[in-house]
């Protein structure tokens, strides 16, 4: 489908589900595109309405059109005495974003709120992100071959 950089701006979340045994939630997000994962900082004591304002970059290097191009945002609560708790997940299909970016050089999904789905498949809260795809530039070499930069 294309080569380039997918840049994700993780802004905040509102109305997350979950209770922490000892007090407030300490949420963080694992952002995943295919096999690549990035982890946000932990929003300590920010409860159900955390704020991050962090940027994550993913290298896109796919020529197959039938590959699933989804971005997953898993929200977890950092716990000190036990394993981290799953608070919910959002998924965003970025196939069209990448296709348009390959045609025009860049494309963008403006900041938007996406519903968070909890473990019991109910909707609880929203996560706000913006996404940009920038295609890799192709430079023509001798004999018609190209090289990506």
Protein backbone atom coordinates (compact mmCIF):
# COMPACT_ATOMS: atom_id res chain seq x y z
CA UNK A 1 0.00 0.00 0.00
CA UNK A 2 2.76 2.45 0.80
CA UNK A 3 5.90 3.59 2.55
CA UNK A 4 6.19 6.50 4.90
CA UNK A 5 5.65 7.68 8.46
CA UNK A 6 2.42 7.50 10.44
CA UNK A 7 2.48 10.12 13.21
CA UNK A 8 -0.02 9.84 16.07
CA UNK A 9 -0.77 12.74 18.43
CA UNK A 10 -2.23 11.31 21.64
CA UNK A 11 -3.97 14.19 23.43
CA UNK A 12 -6.24 12.98 26.24
CA UNK A 13 -9.14 10.77 27.32
CA UNK A 14 -12.45 11.54 29.02
CA UNK A 15 -14.84 9.44 31.09
CA UNK A 16 -12.78 6.26 31.32
CA UNK A 17 -14.15 3.27 33.22
CA UNK A 18 -12.41 1.64 36.14
CA UNK A 19 -11.65 1.96 39.81
CA UNK A 20 -8.33 1.67 41.51
CA UNK A 21 -8.24 -0.19 44.80
CA UNK A 22 -5.99 2.37 46.48
CA UNK A 23 -7.28 5.56 44.90
CA UNK A 24 -7.09 7.26 41.54
CA UNK A 25 -6.36 5.71 38.18
CA UNK A 26 -2.88 6.08 36.67
CA UNK A 27 -3.70 5.55 32.97
CA UNK A 28 -1.29 5.03 30.10
CA UNK A 29 -1.81 4.05 26.47
CA UNK A 30 -0.16 1.40 24.31
CA UNK A 31 -0.43 2.56 20.69
CA UNK A 32 -0.03 -0.28 18.19
CA UNK A 33 0.24 -0.36 14.41
CA UNK A 34 0.71 -3.92 13.16
CA UNK A 35 3.79 -5.30 15.01
CA UNK A 36 5.03 -1.88 16.20
CA UNK A 37 4.10 -0.67 19.69
CA UNK A 38 4.71 2.59 21.53
CA UNK A 39 3.85 3.31 25.16
CA UNK A 40 2.79 6.68 26.53
CA UNK A 41 3.88 8.07 29.84
CA UNK A 42 1.70 7.26 32.84
CA UNK A 43 -0.75 10.03 33.71
CA UNK A 44 -0.23 9.76 37.48
CA UNK A 45 -3.27 10.50 39.65
CA UNK A 46 -5.21 11.91 36.69
CA UNK A 47 -8.13 9.52 37.14
CA UNK A 48 -10.76 9.08 34.45
CA UNK A 49 -9.77 12.19 32.47
CA UNK A 50 -6.03 11.87 31.77
CA UNK A 51 -3.95 14.09 29.51
CA UNK A 52 -0.78 13.09 27.62
CA UNK A 53 -0.04 15.37 24.64
CA UNK A 54 2.54 12.97 23.20
CA UNK A 55 3.55 12.12 19.63
CA UNK A 56 4.40 8.63 18.38
CA UNK A 57 5.84 7.70 14.97
CA UNK A 58 5.42 4.43 13.10
CA UNK A 59 7.30 3.35 9.97
CA UNK A 60 4.94 2.15 7.25
CA UNK A 61 6.52 -0.22 4.79
CA UNK A 62 3.79 -2.20 3.12
CA UNK A 63 3.23 -2.93 -0.54
CA UNK A 64 0.36 -5.38 0.04
CA UNK A 65 -3.12 -3.96 -0.47
CA UNK A 66 -4.83 -6.72 1.53
CA UNK A 67 -3.00 -5.94 4.80
CA UNK A 68 -5.17 -4.62 7.63
CA UNK A 69 -4.20 -1.03 8.38
CA UNK A 70 -5.60 -0.38 11.85
CA UNK A 71 -4.23 1.62 14.71
CA UNK A 72 -5.07 0.25 18.18
CA UNK A 73 -5.01 2.34 21.36
CA UNK A 74 -5.14 0.18 24.51
CA UNK A 75 -5.69 2.10 27.73
CA UNK A 76 -4.36 0.55 30.93
CA UNK A 77 -4.17 1.54 34.59
CA UNK A 78 -0.68 1.27 36.06
CA UNK A 79 -0.75 -0.66 39.34
CA UNK A 80 2.15 -0.93 41.75
CA UNK A 81 1.13 -4.08 43.64
CA UNK A 82 -0.55 -6.11 40.88
CA UNK A 83 -0.70 -6.43 37.12
CA UNK A 84 -1.95 -3.40 35.20
CA UNK A 85 -5.71 -3.24 34.58
CA UNK A 86 -7.24 -3.02 31.10
CA UNK A 87 -9.51 0.05 30.94
CA UNK A 88 -10.52 -0.11 27.28
CA UNK A 89 -9.46 0.13 23.66
CA UNK A 90 -10.15 2.16 20.54
CA UNK A 91 -9.29 1.20 16.98
CA UNK A 92 -8.92 3.46 13.95
CA UNK A 93 -8.77 2.27 10.35
CA UNK A 94 -5.95 4.21 8.64
CA UNK A 95 -6.05 2.51 5.21
CA UNK A 96 -7.69 5.49 3.47
CA UNK A 97 -5.36 7.92 5.24
CA UNK A 98 -2.33 6.03 3.90
CA UNK A 99 -3.81 5.73 0.38
CA UNK A 100 -4.53 9.47 0.16
CA UNK A 101 -1.10 10.25 1.59
CA UNK A 102 0.54 8.11 -1.07
CA UNK A 103 -1.30 10.09 -3.78
CA UNK A 104 -0.83 13.59 -2.33
CA UNK A 105 2.38 13.19 -0.33
CA UNK A 106 0.66 13.71 3.01
CA UNK A 107 -2.77 13.28 4.58
CA UNK A 108 -4.25 13.99 7.98
CA UNK A 109 -7.06 12.94 10.29
CA UNK A 110 -7.74 16.04 12.37
CA UNK A 111 -8.02 15.76 16.13
CA UNK A 112 -11.10 13.69 16.96
CA UNK A 113 -12.55 11.69 19.82
CA UNK A 114 -12.90 7.93 19.40
CA UNK A 115 -15.09 5.72 21.58
CA UNK A 116 -13.36 3.45 24.08
CA UNK A 117 -14.64 -0.13 24.24
CA UNK A 118 -14.27 -1.90 27.61
CA UNK A 119 -13.60 -5.61 28.25
CA UNK A 120 -17.35 -6.32 28.38
CA UNK A 121 -17.80 -4.68 24.92
CA UNK A 122 -19.59 -1.63 26.26
CA UNK A 123 -18.64 1.94 25.34
CA UNK A 124 -17.14 3.91 28.19
CA UNK A 125 -15.26 7.11 27.56
CA UNK A 126 -13.41 8.66 24.65
CA UNK A 127 -9.82 9.10 23.57
CA UNK A 128 -8.68 12.11 21.53
CA UNK A 129 -6.04 11.66 18.82
CA UNK A 130 -4.88 13.20 15.55
CA UNK A 131 -3.06 11.21 12.86
CA UNK A 132 -0.85 12.26 9.94
CA UNK A 133 0.69 10.11 7.22
CA UNK A 134 3.65 11.39 5.20
CA UNK A 135 4.72 9.31 2.21
CA UNK A 136 8.37 8.48 1.67
CA UNK A 137 9.86 10.33 -1.28
CA UNK A 138 10.99 8.24 -4.23
CA UNK A 139 14.11 9.38 -6.05
CA UNK A 140 14.66 8.03 -9.56
CA UNK A 141 18.01 6.41 -10.15
CA UNK A 142 19.63 5.42 -13.43
CA UNK A 143 17.84 2.74 -15.47
CA UNK A 144 14.38 3.62 -14.06
CA UNK A 145 14.90 2.18 -10.60
CA UNK A 146 13.73 4.09 -7.52
CA UNK A 147 15.05 4.44 -4.01
CA UNK A 148 12.98 5.47 -0.98
CA UNK A 149 14.13 8.16 1.44
